[in-house]
C-alpha atoms as a PDB file:
ATOM      1  CA  MET A   1      36.686 103.825 117.951  1.00  0.00           C
ATOM      2  CA  ALA A   2      37.150 101.858 114.609  1.00  0.00           C
ATOM      3  CA  PRO A   3      38.618  98.225 114.882  1.00  0.00           C
ATOM      4  CA  ILE A   4      42.129  97.824 113.762  1.00  0.00           C
ATOM      5  CA  ALA A   5      42.579  95.497 110.911  1.00  0.00           C
ATOM      6  CA  LEU A   6      44.851  92.625 111.840  1.00  0.00           C
ATOM      7  CA  GLY A   7      44.790  90.968 108.362  1.00  0.00           C
ATOM      8  CA  ILE A   8      42.582  88.202 109.647  1.00  0.00           C
ATOM      9  CA  ALA A   9      39.746  87.339 107.342  1.00  0.00           C
ATOM     10  CA  THR A  10      36.376  86.698 108.690  1.00  0.00           C
ATOM     11  CA  GLU A  11      34.658  83.283 108.216  1.00  0.00           C
ATOM     12  CA  ALA A  12      32.658  84.774 105.306  1.00  0.00           C
ATOM     13  CA  GLU A  13      35.725  86.136 103.613  1.00  0.00           C
ATOM     14  CA  GLN A  14      37.480  82.706 104.043  1.00  0.00           C
ATOM     15  CA  GLU A  15      34.734  80.891 102.055  1.00  0.00           C
ATOM     16  CA  VAL A  16      36.429  79.877  98.853  1.00  0.00           C
ATOM     17  CA  HIS A  17      34.478  78.301  95.987  1.00  0.00           C
ATOM     18  CA  ALA A  18      36.088  75.217  94.782  1.00  0.00           C
ATOM     19  CA  MET A  19      37.240  75.189  91.252  1.00  0.00           C
ATOM     20  CA  PRO A  20      35.771  72.265  89.134  1.00  0.00           C
ATOM     21  CA  ALA A  21      37.915  69.097  88.895  1.00  0.00           C
ATOM     22  CA  LYS A  22      40.180  68.943  85.910  1.00  0.00           C
ATOM     23  CA  SER A  23      40.366  65.207  85.685  1.00  0.00           C
ATOM     24  CA  LYS A  24      38.622  62.078  86.816  1.00  0.00           C
ATOM     25  CA  ALA A  25      41.363  61.441  89.237  1.00  0.00           C
ATOM     26  CA  GLN A  26      40.858  64.732  91.005  1.00  0.00           C
ATOM     27  CA  GLN A  27      37.037  64.036  91.181  1.00  0.00           C
ATOM     28  CA  LYS A  28      37.769  60.537  92.592  1.00  0.00           C
ATOM     29  CA  ALA A  29      39.997  62.055  95.267  1.00  0.00           C
ATOM     30  CA  ALA A  30      37.564  64.577  96.222  1.00  0.00           C
ATOM     31  CA  GLY A  31      34.943  62.028  96.527  1.00  0.00           C
ATOM     32  CA  ALA A  32      36.970  59.898  98.896  1.00  0.00           C
ATOM     33  CA  ALA A  33      37.801  62.927 101.006  1.00  0.00           C
ATOM     34  CA  LEU A  34      34.176  63.974 101.150  1.00  0.00           C
ATOM     35  CA  ALA A  35      33.176  60.464 102.260  1.00  0.00           C
ATOM     36  CA  ALA A  36      35.732  60.758 105.142  1.00  0.00           C
ATOM     37  CA  LYS A  37      34.498  64.245 106.043  1.00  0.00           C
ATOM     38  CA  ARG A  38      31.039  62.825 106.310  1.00  0.00           C
ATOM     39  CA  GLY A  39      32.088  59.931 108.466  1.00  0.00           C
ATOM     40  CA  GLU A  40      31.200  57.332 105.850  1.00  0.00           C
ATOM     41  CA  VAL A  41      34.835  56.023 105.828  1.00  0.00           C
ATOM     42  CA  PRO A  42      37.653  56.372 108.260  1.00  0.00           C
ATOM     43  CA  LYS A  43      39.956  59.191 107.474  1.00  0.00           C
ATOM     44  CA  SER A  44      42.809  56.869 108.231  1.00  0.00           C
ATOM     45  CA  GLU A  45      42.000  55.005 104.916  1.00  0.00           C
ATOM     46  CA  LEU A  46      42.733  58.214 102.862  1.00  0.00           C
ATOM     47  CA  VAL A  47      46.070  58.375 101.033  1.00  0.00           C
ATOM     48  CA  GLY A  48      47.695  60.784  98.610  1.00  0.00           C
ATOM     49  CA  ALA A  49      45.745  63.709  97.085  1.00  0.00           C
ATOM     50  CA  SER A  50      42.531  62.704  98.998  1.00  0.00           C
ATOM     51  CA  ARG A  51      44.287  62.930 102.439  1.00  0.00           C
ATOM     52  CA  GLU A  52      45.760  66.374 101.391  1.00  0.00           C
ATOM     53  CA  ILE A  53      42.460  67.865 100.275  1.00  0.00           C
ATOM     54  CA  TYR A  54      40.575  66.323 103.220  1.00  0.00           C
ATOM     55  CA  HIS A  55      42.467  68.768 105.459  1.00  0.00           C
ATOM     56  CA  SER A  56      42.445  71.815 103.084  1.00  0.00           C
ATOM     57  CA  MET A  57      38.882  71.988 101.902  1.00  0.00           C
ATOM     58  CA  SER A  58      35.511  72.219 103.584  1.00  0.00           C
ATOM     59  CA  GLU A  59      32.788  69.599 103.087  1.00  0.00           C
ATOM     60  CA  LYS A  60      30.861  72.147 100.880  1.00  0.00           C
ATOM     61  CA  GLN A  61      33.959  72.589  98.639  1.00  0.00           C
ATOM     62  CA  LEU A  62      34.613  68.870  98.332  1.00  0.00           C
ATOM     63  CA  ASP A  63      31.005  68.354  97.397  1.00  0.00           C
ATOM     64  CA  GLU A  64      31.310  70.952  94.647  1.00  0.00           C
ATOM     65  CA  PHE A  65      34.548  69.500  93.472  1.00  0.00           C
ATOM     66  CA  ALA A  66      33.383  65.922  93.423  1.00  0.00           C
ATOM     67  CA  SER A  67      30.062  66.721  91.657  1.00  0.00           C
ATOM     68  CA  THR A  68      31.980  68.013  88.551  1.00  0.00           C
ATOM     69  CA  LYS A  69      30.709  66.382  85.430  1.00  0.00           C
ATOM     70  CA  ARG A  70      33.041  63.593  84.138  1.00  0.00           C
ATOM     71  CA  LYS A  71      32.236  63.844  80.354  1.00  0.00           C
ATOM     72  CA  GLY A  72      35.248  65.026  78.489  1.00  0.00           C
ATOM     73  CA  LYS A  73      37.662  64.961  81.473  1.00  0.00           C
ATOM     74  CA  PRO A  74      41.038  63.171  81.134  1.00  0.00           C
ATOM     75  CA  GLU A  75      41.854  60.400  83.694  1.00  0.00           C
ATOM     76  CA  HIS A  76      44.880  62.476  84.997  1.00  0.00           C
ATOM     77  CA  VAL A  77      46.211  66.037  84.323  1.00  0.00           C
ATOM     78  CA  ALA A  78      49.658  66.368  83.122  1.00  0.00           C
ATOM     79  CA  ASP A  79      52.115  67.663  85.864  1.00  0.00           C
ATOM     80  CA  LYS A  80      53.321  71.120  84.902  1.00  0.00           C
ATOM     81  CA  ARG A  81      55.962  71.462  87.612  1.00  0.00           C
ATOM     82  CA  HIS A  82      58.913  70.331  85.540  1.00  0.00           C
END
């Protein structure tokens, strides 16, 4: 009998590759979250974006996001949610 699909993705299917950081601020937030994931700093010290991505991204994703090259990146990305 074939298994019934319940709409639940397997762990391999859930693996999402992080997009590169679009700004230096995003890269810094990812670096802070990564340090907390690795236990180098307490997660209670995270604020703002770094706290949000700490919970939503894996250590591998944070590492990829934080390792984006900085050259040519703006300090911040304009908010497009007007």
